[in-house]
Amino acid sequence: MGAREVDAYIAAAPPKARPALRQLRKIIRDAAPRATETVSYRMPYYSHHGRLIYFAVARDWIGLYMLGRAKSRYAKELKPYISGASTARFALDRPLPVGLIRKVVKERVAENEERQKSR
């Protein structure tokens, strides 16, 4: 389970999406090394002191879900990618904004850790 499920998810994705999915996975794992990895709601899912972040591939884009307070903190940078309440969409025909994704994941880690400490 866990990493193997995410491996299978990426392997089943359209060939044009696989490099970006592998890159996104690496960014998340590097930014949140203590997070656990699995599949939930048919999407790769990362948990660290609760729900951290999900991603999924669609026809022409990859969605990153659970932006939390990173959505407002990085609003200007995220603006071209925002879709819905807490979703960022990255077009498959463009490079992923690696630095921005890393910041979002690290912000989510900090958010979850702060919430955990306050309990």
PDB file of N, CA and C in Angstrom:
ATOM      1  N   MET A   1       0.820  -1.197   0.000  1.00  0.00           N
ATOM      2  CA  MET A   1       0.000   0.000   0.000  1.00  0.00           C
ATOM      3  C   MET A   1       0.860   1.256   0.000  1.00  0.00           C
ATOM      4  N   GLY A   2       0.266   2.387   0.174  1.00  0.00           N
ATOM      5  CA  GLY A   2       1.007   3.634   0.270  1.00  0.00           C
ATOM      6  C   GLY A   2       1.713   4.000  -1.014  1.00  0.00           C
ATOM      7  N   ALA A   3       3.052   3.949  -0.972  1.00  0.00           N
ATOM      8  CA  ALA A   3       3.851   4.369  -2.129  1.00  0.00           C
ATOM      9  C   ALA A   3       3.525   3.538  -3.359  1.00  0.00           C
ATOM     10  N   ARG A   4       3.260   2.256  -3.189  1.00  0.00           N
ATOM     11  CA  ARG A   4       2.916   1.417  -4.346  1.00  0.00           C
ATOM     12  C   ARG A   4       1.612   1.857  -4.983  1.00  0.00           C
ATOM     13  N   GLU A   5       0.671   2.316  -4.174  1.00  0.00           N
ATOM     14  CA  GLU A   5      -0.590   2.827  -4.720  1.00  0.00           C
ATOM     15  C   GLU A   5      -0.348   4.079  -5.557  1.00  0.00           C
ATOM     16  N   VAL A   6       0.530   4.936  -5.082  1.00  0.00           N
ATOM     17  CA  VAL A   6       0.846   6.155  -5.821  1.00  0.00           C
ATOM     18  C   VAL A   6       1.621   5.790  -7.085  1.00  0.00           C
ATOM     19  N   ASP A   7       2.528   4.823  -6.997  1.00  0.00           N
ATOM     20  CA  ASP A   7       3.220   4.334  -8.194  1.00  0.00           C
ATOM     21  C   ASP A   7       2.204   3.875  -9.236  1.00  0.00           C
ATOM     22  N   ALA A   8       1.212   3.106  -8.795  1.00  0.00           N
ATOM     23  CA  ALA A   8       0.188   2.583  -9.706  1.00  0.00           C
ATOM     24  C   ALA A   8      -0.653   3.715 -10.297  1.00  0.00           C
ATOM     25  N   TYR A   9      -0.970   4.709  -9.492  1.00  0.00           N
ATOM     26  CA  TYR A   9      -1.741   5.862  -9.975  1.00  0.00           C
ATOM     27  C   TYR A   9      -0.982   6.553 -11.102  1.00  0.00           C
ATOM     28  N   ILE A  10       0.292   6.804 -10.885  1.00  0.00           N
ATOM     29  CA  ILE A  10       1.103   7.484 -11.896  1.00  0.00           C
ATOM     30  C   ILE A  10       1.247   6.615 -13.141  1.00  0.00           C
ATOM     31  N   ALA A  11       1.459   5.320 -12.957  1.00  0.00           N
ATOM     32  CA  ALA A  11       1.601   4.409 -14.098  1.00  0.00           C
ATOM     33  C   ALA A  11       0.329   4.352 -14.939  1.00  0.00           C
ATOM     34  N   ALA A  12      -0.823   4.528 -14.314  1.00  0.00           N
ATOM     35  CA  ALA A  12      -2.102   4.472 -15.023  1.00  0.00           C
ATOM     36  C   ALA A  12      -2.476   5.801 -15.674  1.00  0.00           C
ATOM     37  N   ALA A  13      -1.745   6.856 -15.362  1.00  0.00           N
ATOM     38  CA  ALA A  13      -2.038   8.188 -15.917  1.00  0.00           C
ATOM     39  C   ALA A  13      -1.638   8.240 -17.390  1.00  0.00           C
ATOM     40  N   PRO A  14      -2.203   9.175 -18.128  1.00  0.00           N
ATOM     41  CA  PRO A  14      -1.792   9.340 -19.527  1.00  0.00           C
ATOM     42  C   PRO A  14      -0.275   9.567 -19.620  1.00  0.00           C
ATOM     43  N   PRO A  15       0.361   8.995 -20.618  1.00  0.00           N
ATOM     44  CA  PRO A  15       1.826   9.135 -20.738  1.00  0.00           C
ATOM     45  C   PRO A  15       2.320  10.572 -20.681  1.00  0.00           C
ATOM     46  N   LYS A  16       1.592  11.515 -21.273  1.00  0.00           N
ATOM     47  CA  LYS A  16       2.062  12.914 -21.275  1.00  0.00           C
ATOM     48  C   LYS A  16       2.045  13.525 -19.877  1.00  0.00           C
ATOM     49  N   ALA A  17       1.265  12.951 -18.950  1.00  0.00           N
ATOM     50  CA  ALA A  17       1.163  13.490 -17.598  1.00  0.00           C
ATOM     51  C   ALA A  17       2.169  12.888 -16.625  1.00  0.00           C
ATOM     52  N   ARG A  18       2.698  11.732 -16.929  1.00  0.00           N
ATOM     53  CA  ARG A  18       3.546  11.017 -15.973  1.00  0.00           C
ATOM     54  C   ARG A  18       4.780  11.799 -15.520  1.00  0.00           C
ATOM     55  N   PRO A  19       5.524  12.449 -16.421  1.00  0.00           N
ATOM     56  CA  PRO A  19       6.698  13.193 -15.925  1.00  0.00           C
ATOM     57  C   PRO A  19       6.319  14.278 -14.917  1.00  0.00           C
ATOM     58  N   ALA A  20       5.264  15.014 -15.187  1.00  0.00           N
ATOM     59  CA  ALA A  20       4.838  16.067 -14.251  1.00  0.00           C
ATOM     60  C   ALA A  20       4.345  15.468 -12.939  1.00  0.00           C
ATOM     61  N   LEU A  21       3.648  14.340 -13.004  1.00  0.00           N
ATOM     62  CA  LEU A  21       3.178  13.690 -11.776  1.00  0.00           C
ATOM     63  C   LEU A  21       4.355  13.209 -10.933  1.00  0.00           C
ATOM     64  N   ARG A  22       5.354  12.630 -11.580  1.00  0.00           N
ATOM     65  CA  ARG A  22       6.543  12.193 -10.836  1.00  0.00           C
ATOM     66  C   ARG A  22       7.256  13.395 -10.213  1.00  0.00           C
ATOM     67  N   GLN A  23       7.340  14.494 -10.962  1.00  0.00           N
ATOM     68  CA  GLN A  23       7.979  15.693 -10.443  1.00  0.00           C
ATOM     69  C   GLN A  23       7.192  16.263  -9.260  1.00  0.00           C
ATOM     70  N   LEU A  24       5.878  16.328  -9.389  1.00  0.00           N
ATOM     71  CA  LEU A  24       5.035  16.843  -8.313  1.00  0.00           C
ATOM     72  C   LEU A  24       5.180  15.978  -7.063  1.00  0.00           C
ATOM     73  N   ARG A  25       5.179  14.690  -7.244  1.00  0.00           N
ATOM     74  CA  ARG A  25       5.349  13.773  -6.116  1.00  0.00           C
ATOM     75  C   ARG A  25       6.679  14.037  -5.405  1.00  0.00           C
ATOM     76  N   LYS A  26       7.746  14.209  -6.169  1.00  0.00           N
ATOM     77  CA  LYS A  26       9.054  14.470  -5.574  1.00  0.00           C
ATOM     78  C   LYS A  26       9.065  15.797  -4.813  1.00  0.00           C
ATOM     79  N   ILE A  27       8.448  16.814  -5.379  1.00  0.00           N
ATOM     80  CA  ILE A  27       8.378  18.115  -4.705  1.00  0.00           C
ATOM     81  C   ILE A  27       7.677  17.957  -3.353  1.00  0.00           C
ATOM     82  N   ILE A  28       6.545  17.261  -3.343  1.00  0.00           N
ATOM     83  CA  ILE A  28       5.781  17.066  -2.108  1.00  0.00           C
ATOM     84  C   ILE A  28       6.596  16.269  -1.101  1.00  0.00           C
ATOM     85  N   ARG A  29       7.198  15.186  -1.546  1.00  0.00           N
ATOM     86  CA  ARG A  29       7.968  14.342  -0.621  1.00  0.00           C
ATOM     87  C   ARG A  29       9.187  15.081  -0.069  1.00  0.00           C
ATOM     88  N   ASP A  30       9.823  15.908  -0.893  1.00  0.00           N
ATOM     89  CA  ASP A  30      10.973  16.685  -0.412  1.00  0.00           C
ATOM     90  C   ASP A  30      10.539  17.777   0.577  1.00  0.00           C
ATOM     91  N   ALA A  31       9.399  18.402   0.316  1.00  0.00           N
ATOM     92  CA  ALA A  31       8.921  19.493   1.169  1.00  0.00           C
ATOM     93  C   ALA A  31       8.258  18.983   2.454  1.00  0.00           C
ATOM     94  N   ALA A  32       7.785  17.747   2.422  1.00  0.00           N
ATOM     95  CA  ALA A  32       7.107  17.155   3.585  1.00  0.00           C
ATOM     96  C   ALA A  32       7.636  15.735   3.804  1.00  0.00           C
ATOM     97  N   PRO A  33       8.911  15.611   4.179  1.00  0.00           N
ATOM     98  CA  PRO A  33       9.520  14.279   4.260  1.00  0.00           C
ATOM     99  C   PRO A  33       8.907  13.343   5.298  1.00  0.00           C
ATOM    100  N   ARG A  34       8.220  13.891   6.287  1.00  0.00           N
ATOM    101  CA  ARG A  34       7.600  13.028   7.317  1.00  0.00           C
ATOM    102  C   ARG A  34       6.164  12.660   6.989  1.00  0.00           C
ATOM    103  N   ALA A  35       5.655  13.158   5.889  1.00  0.00           N
ATOM    104  CA  ALA A  35       4.267  12.862   5.505  1.00  0.00           C
ATOM    105  C   ALA A  35       4.147  11.413   5.036  1.00  0.00           C
ATOM    106  N   THR A  36       3.005  10.832   5.329  1.00  0.00           N
ATOM    107  CA  THR A  36       2.715   9.496   4.807  1.00  0.00           C
ATOM    108  C   THR A  36       2.012   9.657   3.466  1.00  0.00           C
ATOM    109  N   GLU A  37       2.230   8.683   2.608  1.00  0.00           N
ATOM    110  CA  GLU A  37       1.742   8.740   1.234  1.00  0.00           C
ATOM    111  C   GLU A  37       0.803   7.563   0.986  1.00  0.00           C
ATOM    112  N   THR A  38      -0.335   7.844   0.404  1.00  0.00           N
ATOM    113  CA  THR A  38      -1.284   6.792   0.056  1.00  0.00           C
ATOM    114  C   THR A  38      -2.209   7.314  -1.042  1.00  0.00           C
ATOM    115  N   VAL A  39      -3.276   6.595  -1.308  1.00  0.00           N
ATOM    116  CA  VAL A  39      -4.305   7.058  -2.242  1.00  0.00           C
ATOM    117  C   VAL A  39      -5.608   7.142  -1.463  1.00  0.00           C
ATOM    118  N   SER A  40      -6.299   8.258  -1.591  1.00  0.00           N
ATOM    119  CA  SER A  40      -7.579   8.477  -0.947  1.00  0.00           C
ATOM    120  C   SER A  40      -8.471   9.215  -1.933  1.00  0.00           C
ATOM    121  N   TYR A  41      -9.720   8.833  -1.999  1.00  0.00           N
ATOM    122  CA  TYR A  41     -10.632   9.424  -2.973  1.00  0.00           C
ATOM    123  C   TYR A  41     -10.066   9.315  -4.397  1.00  0.00           C
ATOM    124  N   ARG A  42      -9.353   8.216  -4.647  1.00  0.00           N
ATOM    125  CA  ARG A  42      -8.746   7.929  -5.957  1.00  0.00           C
ATOM    126  C   ARG A  42      -7.680   8.938  -6.370  1.00  0.00           C
ATOM    127  N   MET A  43      -7.072   9.604  -5.387  1.00  0.00           N
ATOM    128  CA  MET A  43      -6.011  10.578  -5.655  1.00  0.00           C
ATOM    129  C   MET A  43      -4.836  10.302  -4.723  1.00  0.00           C
ATOM    130  N   PRO A  44      -3.599  10.543  -5.167  1.00  0.00           N
ATOM    131  CA  PRO A  44      -2.486  10.505  -4.228  1.00  0.00           C
ATOM    132  C   PRO A  44      -2.736  11.519  -3.109  1.00  0.00           C
ATOM    133  N   TYR A  45      -2.468  11.063  -1.908  1.00  0.00           N
ATOM    134  CA  TYR A  45      -2.815  11.820  -0.705  1.00  0.00           C
ATOM    135  C   TYR A  45      -1.651  11.759   0.267  1.00  0.00           C
ATOM    136  N   TYR A  46      -1.367  12.889   0.898  1.00  0.00           N
ATOM    137  CA  TYR A  46      -0.284  13.000   1.866  1.00  0.00           C
ATOM    138  C   TYR A  46      -0.855  13.481   3.191  1.00  0.00           C
ATOM    139  N   SER A  47      -0.410  12.827   4.249  1.00  0.00           N
ATOM    140  CA  SER A  47      -0.909  13.133   5.582  1.00  0.00           C
ATOM    141  C   SER A  47       0.273  13.433   6.504  1.00  0.00           C
ATOM    142  N   HIS A  48       0.119  14.488   7.275  1.00  0.00           N
ATOM    143  CA  HIS A  48       1.096  14.837   8.305  1.00  0.00           C
ATOM    144  C   HIS A  48       0.319  15.634   9.348  1.00  0.00           C
ATOM    145  N   HIS A  49       0.046  15.019  10.486  1.00  0.00           N
ATOM    146  CA  HIS A  49      -0.813  15.620  11.509  1.00  0.00           C
ATOM    147  C   HIS A  49      -2.167  15.981  10.887  1.00  0.00           C
ATOM    148  N   GLY A  50      -2.693  15.086  10.109  1.00  0.00           N
ATOM    149  CA  GLY A  50      -3.970  15.295   9.432  1.00  0.00           C
ATOM    150  C   GLY A  50      -3.765  15.464   7.933  1.00  0.00           C
ATOM    151  N   ARG A  51      -4.854  15.779   7.266  1.00  0.00           N
ATOM    152  CA  ARG A  51      -4.787  15.939   5.815  1.00  0.00           C
ATOM    153  C   ARG A  51      -3.816  17.045   5.442  1.00  0.00           C
ATOM    154  N   LEU A  52      -2.925  16.725   4.530  1.00  0.00           N
ATOM    155  CA  LEU A  52      -1.929  17.698   4.105  1.00  0.00           C
ATOM    156  C   LEU A  52      -2.241  18.191   2.695  1.00  0.00           C
ATOM    157  N   ILE A  53      -2.182  17.291   1.719  1.00  0.00           N
ATOM    158  CA  ILE A  53      -2.377  17.713   0.331  1.00  0.00           C
ATOM    159  C   ILE A  53      -2.709  16.509  -0.540  1.00  0.00           C
ATOM    160  N   TYR A  54      -3.444  16.737  -1.604  1.00  0.00           N
ATOM    161  CA  TYR A  54      -3.779  15.729  -2.598  1.00  0.00           C
ATOM    162  C   TYR A  54      -3.339  16.251  -3.969  1.00  0.00           C
ATOM    163  N   PHE A  55      -3.185  15.327  -4.923  1.00  0.00           N
ATOM    164  CA  PHE A  55      -3.066  15.757  -6.308  1.00  0.00           C
ATOM    165  C   PHE A  55      -3.777  14.762  -7.206  1.00  0.00           C
ATOM    166  N   ALA A  56      -4.144  15.219  -8.384  1.00  0.00           N
ATOM    167  CA  ALA A  56      -4.836  14.358  -9.345  1.00  0.00           C
ATOM    168  C   ALA A  56      -4.612  14.896 -10.745  1.00  0.00           C
ATOM    169  N   VAL A  57      -4.661  13.996 -11.702  1.00  0.00           N
ATOM    170  CA  VAL A  57      -4.517  14.384 -13.096  1.00  0.00           C
ATOM    171  C   VAL A  57      -5.894  14.427 -13.753  1.00  0.00           C
ATOM    172  N   ALA A  58      -6.080  15.407 -14.598  1.00  0.00           N
ATOM    173  CA  ALA A  58      -7.284  15.508 -15.426  1.00  0.00           C
ATOM    174  C   ALA A  58      -6.806  15.503 -16.881  1.00  0.00           C
ATOM    175  N   ARG A  59      -7.685  15.785 -17.786  1.00  0.00           N
ATOM    176  CA  ARG A  59      -7.344  15.693 -19.209  1.00  0.00           C
ATOM    177  C   ARG A  59      -6.140  16.564 -19.582  1.00  0.00           C
ATOM    178  N   ASP A  60      -6.154  17.820 -19.189  1.00  0.00           N
ATOM    179  CA  ASP A  60      -5.107  18.753 -19.615  1.00  0.00           C
ATOM    180  C   ASP A  60      -4.363  19.423 -18.468  1.00  0.00           C
ATOM    181  N   TRP A  61      -4.598  18.978 -17.261  1.00  0.00           N
ATOM    182  CA  TRP A  61      -3.979  19.643 -16.116  1.00  0.00           C
ATOM    183  C   TRP A  61      -3.833  18.689 -14.942  1.00  0.00           C
ATOM    184  N   ILE A  62      -3.040  19.135 -13.974  1.00  0.00           N
ATOM    185  CA  ILE A  62      -2.888  18.432 -12.701  1.00  0.00           C
ATOM    186  C   ILE A  62      -3.432  19.358 -11.630  1.00  0.00           C
ATOM    187  N   GLY A  63      -4.286  18.811 -10.779  1.00  0.00           N
ATOM    188  CA  GLY A  63      -4.840  19.593  -9.686  1.00  0.00           C
ATOM    189  C   GLY A  63      -4.103  19.319  -8.389  1.00  0.00           C
ATOM    190  N   LEU A  64      -3.890  20.362  -7.633  1.00  0.00           N
ATOM    191  CA  LEU A  64      -3.309  20.279  -6.298  1.00  0.00           C
ATOM    192  C   LEU A  64      -4.396  20.772  -5.354  1.00  0.00           C
ATOM    193  N   TYR A  65      -4.754  19.943  -4.381  1.00  0.00           N
ATOM    194  CA  TYR A  65      -5.908  20.224  -3.523  1.00  0.00           C
ATOM    195  C   TYR A  65      -5.490  20.377  -2.064  1.00  0.00           C
ATOM    196  N   MET A  66      -6.238  21.158  -1.330  1.00  0.00           N
ATOM    197  CA  MET A  66      -6.024  21.440   0.099  1.00  0.00           C
ATOM    198  C   MET A  66      -4.974  22.520   0.273  1.00  0.00           C
ATOM    199  N   LEU A  67      -5.185  23.659  -0.316  1.00  0.00           N
ATOM    200  CA  LEU A  67      -4.206  24.738  -0.237  1.00  0.00           C
ATOM    201  C   LEU A  67      -4.167  25.403   1.128  1.00  0.00           C
ATOM    202  N   GLY A  68      -5.257  25.289   1.886  1.00  0.00           N
ATOM    203  CA  GLY A  68      -5.283  25.880   3.226  1.00  0.00           C
ATOM    204  C   GLY A  68      -4.930  27.352   3.212  1.00  0.00           C
ATOM    205  N   ARG A  69      -4.215  27.789   4.250  1.00  0.00           N
ATOM    206  CA  ARG A  69      -3.881  29.215   4.344  1.00  0.00           C
ATOM    207  C   ARG A  69      -2.840  29.639   3.310  1.00  0.00           C
ATOM    208  N   ALA A  70      -2.189  28.681   2.659  1.00  0.00           N
ATOM    209  CA  ALA A  70      -1.245  29.022   1.593  1.00  0.00           C
ATOM    210  C   ALA A  70      -1.954  29.757   0.461  1.00  0.00           C
ATOM    211  N   LYS A  71      -3.253  29.493   0.309  1.00  0.00           N
ATOM    212  CA  LYS A  71      -4.009  30.164  -0.753  1.00  0.00           C
ATOM    213  C   LYS A  71      -3.989  31.676  -0.563  1.00  0.00           C
ATOM    214  N   SER A  72      -4.144  32.136   0.654  1.00  0.00           N
ATOM    215  CA  SER A  72      -4.107  33.585   0.879  1.00  0.00           C
ATOM    216  C   SER A  72      -2.673  34.101   1.002  1.00  0.00           C
ATOM    217  N   ARG A  73      -1.804  33.327   1.622  1.00  0.00           N
ATOM    218  CA  ARG A  73      -0.418  33.769   1.798  1.00  0.00           C
ATOM    219  C   ARG A  73       0.294  33.951   0.458  1.00  0.00           C
ATOM    220  N   TYR A  74       0.022  33.085  -0.497  1.00  0.00           N
ATOM    221  CA  TYR A  74       0.663  33.145  -1.808  1.00  0.00           C
ATOM    222  C   TYR A  74      -0.343  33.481  -2.908  1.00  0.00           C
ATOM    223  N   ALA A  75      -1.334  34.274  -2.554  1.00  0.00           N
ATOM    224  CA  ALA A  75      -2.439  34.597  -3.468  1.00  0.00           C
ATOM    225  C   ALA A  75      -1.964  35.150  -4.805  1.00  0.00           C
ATOM    226  N   LYS A  76      -1.016  36.062  -4.762  1.00  0.00           N
ATOM    227  CA  LYS A  76      -0.546  36.686  -6.005  1.00  0.00           C
ATOM    228  C   LYS A  76       0.104  35.653  -6.918  1.00  0.00           C
ATOM    229  N   GLU A  77       0.955  34.805  -6.341  1.00  0.00           N
ATOM    230  CA  GLU A  77       1.637  33.778  -7.134  1.00  0.00           C
ATOM    231  C   GLU A  77       0.678  32.688  -7.614  1.00  0.00           C
ATOM    232  N   LEU A  78      -0.315  32.363  -6.784  1.00  0.00           N
ATOM    233  CA  LEU A  78      -1.266  31.296  -7.122  1.00  0.00           C
ATOM    234  C   LEU A  78      -2.368  31.749  -8.079  1.00  0.00           C
ATOM    235  N   LYS A  79      -2.583  33.053  -8.181  1.00  0.00           N
ATOM    236  CA  LYS A  79      -3.716  33.579  -8.947  1.00  0.00           C
ATOM    237  C   LYS A  79      -3.888  32.933 -10.329  1.00  0.00           C
ATOM    238  N   PRO A  80      -2.836  32.749 -11.120  1.00  0.00           N
ATOM    239  CA  PRO A  80      -3.044  32.153 -12.443  1.00  0.00           C
ATOM    240  C   PRO A  80      -3.494  30.683 -12.405  1.00  0.00           C
ATOM    241  N   TYR A  81      -3.370  30.053 -11.247  1.00  0.00           N
ATOM    242  CA  TYR A  81      -3.640  28.625 -11.140  1.00  0.00           C
ATOM    243  C   TYR A  81      -4.899  28.278 -10.349  1.00  0.00           C
ATOM    244  N   ILE A  82      -5.456  29.220  -9.622  1.00  0.00           N
ATOM    245  CA  ILE A  82      -6.574  28.940  -8.716  1.00  0.00           C
ATOM    246  C   ILE A  82      -7.832  28.570  -9.493  1.00  0.00           C
ATOM    247  N   SER A  83      -8.479  27.527  -8.983  1.00  0.00           N
ATOM    248  CA  SER A  83      -9.747  27.068  -9.532  1.00  0.00           C
ATOM    249  C   SER A  83     -10.557  26.514  -8.363  1.00  0.00           C
ATOM    250  N   GLY A  84     -11.632  27.142  -8.015  1.00  0.00           N
ATOM    251  CA  GLY A  84     -12.430  26.673  -6.896  1.00  0.00           C
ATOM    252  C   GLY A  84     -11.893  27.165  -5.565  1.00  0.00           C
ATOM    253  N   ALA A  85     -12.443  26.606  -4.511  1.00  0.00           N
ATOM    254  CA  ALA A  85     -12.145  27.081  -3.159  1.00  0.00           C
ATOM    255  C   ALA A  85     -10.714  26.802  -2.712  1.00  0.00           C
ATOM    256  N   SER A  86     -10.207  25.634  -3.025  1.00  0.00           N
ATOM    257  CA  SER A  86      -8.879  25.284  -2.530  1.00  0.00           C
ATOM    258  C   SER A  86      -8.141  24.382  -3.511  1.00  0.00           C
ATOM    259  N   THR A  87      -8.160  24.776  -4.771  1.00  0.00           N
ATOM    260  CA  THR A  87      -7.550  23.986  -5.831  1.00  0.00           C
ATOM    261  C   THR A  87      -6.661  24.855  -6.701  1.00  0.00           C
ATOM    262  N   ALA A  88      -5.504  24.322  -7.032  1.00  0.00           N
ATOM    263  CA  ALA A  88      -4.640  24.949  -8.029  1.00  0.00           C
ATOM    264  C   ALA A  88      -4.533  23.972  -9.197  1.00  0.00           C
ATOM    265  N   ARG A  89      -4.679  24.489 -10.397  1.00  0.00           N
ATOM    266  CA  ARG A  89      -4.571  23.660 -11.604  1.00  0.00           C
ATOM    267  C   ARG A  89      -3.343  24.080 -12.398  1.00  0.00           C
ATOM    268  N   PHE A  90      -2.531  23.078 -12.749  1.00  0.00           N
ATOM    269  CA  PHE A  90      -1.317  23.324 -13.510  1.00  0.00           C
ATOM    270  C   PHE A  90      -1.450  22.641 -14.867  1.00  0.00           C
ATOM    271  N   ALA A  91      -1.369  23.424 -15.932  1.00  0.00           N
ATOM    272  CA  ALA A  91      -1.509  22.895 -17.287  1.00  0.00           C
ATOM    273  C   ALA A  91      -0.374  21.922 -17.594  1.00  0.00           C
ATOM    274  N   LEU A  92      -0.723  20.833 -18.256  1.00  0.00           N
ATOM    275  CA  LEU A  92       0.277  19.823 -18.595  1.00  0.00           C
ATOM    276  C   LEU A  92       1.268  20.305 -19.656  1.00  0.00           C
ATOM    277  N   ASP A  93       0.897  21.312 -20.409  1.00  0.00           N
ATOM    278  CA  ASP A  93       1.793  21.784 -21.461  1.00  0.00           C
ATOM    279  C   ASP A  93       2.732  22.893 -20.997  1.00  0.00           C
ATOM    280  N   ARG A  94       2.792  23.104 -19.679  1.00  0.00           N
ATOM    281  CA  ARG A  94       3.681  24.120 -19.108  1.00  0.00           C
ATOM    282  C   ARG A  94       4.476  23.510 -17.953  1.00  0.00           C
ATOM    283  N   PRO A  95       5.654  24.038 -17.685  1.00  0.00           N
ATOM    284  CA  PRO A  95       6.427  23.527 -16.550  1.00  0.00           C
ATOM    285  C   PRO A  95       5.702  23.801 -15.229  1.00  0.00           C
ATOM    286  N   LEU A  96       5.842  22.887 -14.304  1.00  0.00           N
ATOM    287  CA  LEU A  96       5.273  23.105 -12.974  1.00  0.00           C
ATOM    288  C   LEU A  96       6.008  24.253 -12.286  1.00  0.00           C
ATOM    289  N   PRO A  97       5.297  25.086 -11.527  1.00  0.00           N
ATOM    290  CA  PRO A  97       5.959  26.139 -10.747  1.00  0.00           C
ATOM    291  C   PRO A  97       6.543  25.531  -9.466  1.00  0.00           C
ATOM    292  N   VAL A  98       7.691  24.932  -9.609  1.00  0.00           N
ATOM    293  CA  VAL A  98       8.308  24.134  -8.546  1.00  0.00           C
ATOM    294  C   VAL A  98       8.431  24.908  -7.240  1.00  0.00           C
ATOM    295  N   GLY A  99       8.995  26.095  -7.296  1.00  0.00           N
ATOM    296  CA  GLY A  99       9.184  26.881  -6.077  1.00  0.00           C
ATOM    297  C   GLY A  99       7.880  27.197  -5.384  1.00  0.00           C
ATOM    298  N   LEU A 100       6.864  27.537  -6.144  1.00  0.00           N
ATOM    299  CA  LEU A 100       5.551  27.841  -5.583  1.00  0.00           C
ATOM    300  C   LEU A 100       4.934  26.608  -4.932  1.00  0.00           C
ATOM    301  N   ILE A 101       4.999  25.487  -5.605  1.00  0.00           N
ATOM    302  CA  ILE A 101       4.441  24.246  -5.038  1.00  0.00           C
ATOM    303  C   ILE A 101       5.168  23.897  -3.752  1.00  0.00           C
ATOM    304  N   ARG A 102       6.475  24.026  -3.745  1.00  0.00           N
ATOM    305  CA  ARG A 102       7.250  23.738  -2.537  1.00  0.00           C
ATOM    306  C   ARG A 102       6.796  24.631  -1.376  1.00  0.00           C
ATOM    307  N   LYS A 103       6.598  25.917  -1.653  1.00  0.00           N
ATOM    308  CA  LYS A 103       6.146  26.843  -0.608  1.00  0.00           C
ATOM    309  C   LYS A 103       4.761  26.468  -0.094  1.00  0.00           C
ATOM    310  N   VAL A 104       3.864  26.086  -0.993  1.00  0.00           N
ATOM    311  CA  VAL A 104       2.511  25.696  -0.588  1.00  0.00           C
ATOM    312  C   VAL A 104       2.571  24.478   0.324  1.00  0.00           C
ATOM    313  N   VAL A 105       3.337  23.478  -0.054  1.00  0.00           N
ATOM    314  CA  VAL A 105       3.424  22.256   0.762  1.00  0.00           C
ATOM    315  C   VAL A 105       4.042  22.564   2.116  1.00  0.00           C
ATOM    316  N   LYS A 106       5.100  23.350   2.145  1.00  0.00           N
ATOM    317  CA  LYS A 106       5.730  23.691   3.426  1.00  0.00           C
ATOM    318  C   LYS A 106       4.773  24.496   4.316  1.00  0.00           C
ATOM    319  N   GLU A 107       3.988  25.356   3.708  1.00  0.00           N
ATOM    320  CA  GLU A 107       2.990  26.116   4.474  1.00  0.00           C
ATOM    321  C   GLU A 107       1.938  25.181   5.053  1.00  0.00           C
ATOM    322  N   ARG A 108       1.525  24.197   4.267  1.00  0.00           N
ATOM    323  CA  ARG A 108       0.549  23.225   4.767  1.00  0.00           C
ATOM    324  C   ARG A 108       1.137  22.411   5.929  1.00  0.00           C
ATOM    325  N   VAL A 109       2.397  22.026   5.828  1.00  0.00           N
ATOM    326  CA  VAL A 109       3.059  21.304   6.920  1.00  0.00           C
ATOM    327  C   VAL A 109       3.044  22.166   8.176  1.00  0.00           C
ATOM    328  N   ALA A 110       3.458  23.420   8.058  1.00  0.00           N
ATOM    329  CA  ALA A 110       3.483  24.332   9.210  1.00  0.00           C
ATOM    330  C   ALA A 110       2.087  24.507   9.792  1.00  0.00           C
ATOM    331  N   GLU A 111       1.105  24.646   8.930  1.00  0.00           N
ATOM    332  CA  GLU A 111      -0.287  24.818   9.376  1.00  0.00           C
ATOM    333  C   GLU A 111      -0.741  23.608  10.190  1.00  0.00           C
ATOM    334  N   ASN A 112      -0.478  22.410   9.681  1.00  0.00           N
ATOM    335  CA  ASN A 112      -0.893  21.199  10.398  1.00  0.00           C
ATOM    336  C   ASN A 112      -0.118  21.029  11.702  1.00  0.00           C
ATOM    337  N   GLU A 113       1.164  21.337  11.685  1.00  0.00           N
ATOM    338  CA  GLU A 113       1.963  21.208  12.916  1.00  0.00           C
ATOM    339  C   GLU A 113       1.495  22.194  13.987  1.00  0.00           C
ATOM    340  N   GLU A 114       1.171  23.417  13.582  1.00  0.00           N
ATOM    341  CA  GLU A 114       0.652  24.415  14.535  1.00  0.00           C
ATOM    342  C   GLU A 114      -0.680  23.968  15.134  1.00  0.00           C
ATOM    343  N   ARG A 115      -1.552  23.430  14.289  1.00  0.00           N
ATOM    344  CA  ARG A 115      -2.837  22.945  14.764  1.00  0.00           C
ATOM    345  C   ARG A 115      -2.645  21.791  15.741  1.00  0.00           C
ATOM    346  N   GLN A 116      -1.706  20.919  15.454  1.00  0.00           N
ATOM    347  CA  GLN A 116      -1.418  19.776  16.319  1.00  0.00           C
ATOM    348  C   GLN A 116      -0.910  20.253  17.677  1.00  0.00           C
ATOM    349  N   LYS A 117      -0.025  21.246  17.693  1.00  0.00           N
ATOM    350  CA  LYS A 117       0.534  21.757  18.946  1.00  0.00           C
ATOM    351  C   LYS A 117      -0.523  22.432  19.813  1.00  0.00           C
ATOM    352  N   SER A 118      -1.510  23.030  19.183  1.00  0.00           N
ATOM    353  CA  SER A 118      -2.528  23.755  19.946  1.00  0.00           C
ATOM    354  C   SER A 118      -3.598  22.834  20.532  1.00  0.00           C
ATOM    355  N   ARG A 119      -3.537  21.587  20.226  1.00  0.00           N
ATOM    356  CA  ARG A 119      -4.534  20.624  20.770  1.00  0.00           C
ATOM    357  C   ARG A 119      -4.191  20.191  22.157  1.00  0.00           C
TER     358      ARG A 119
END
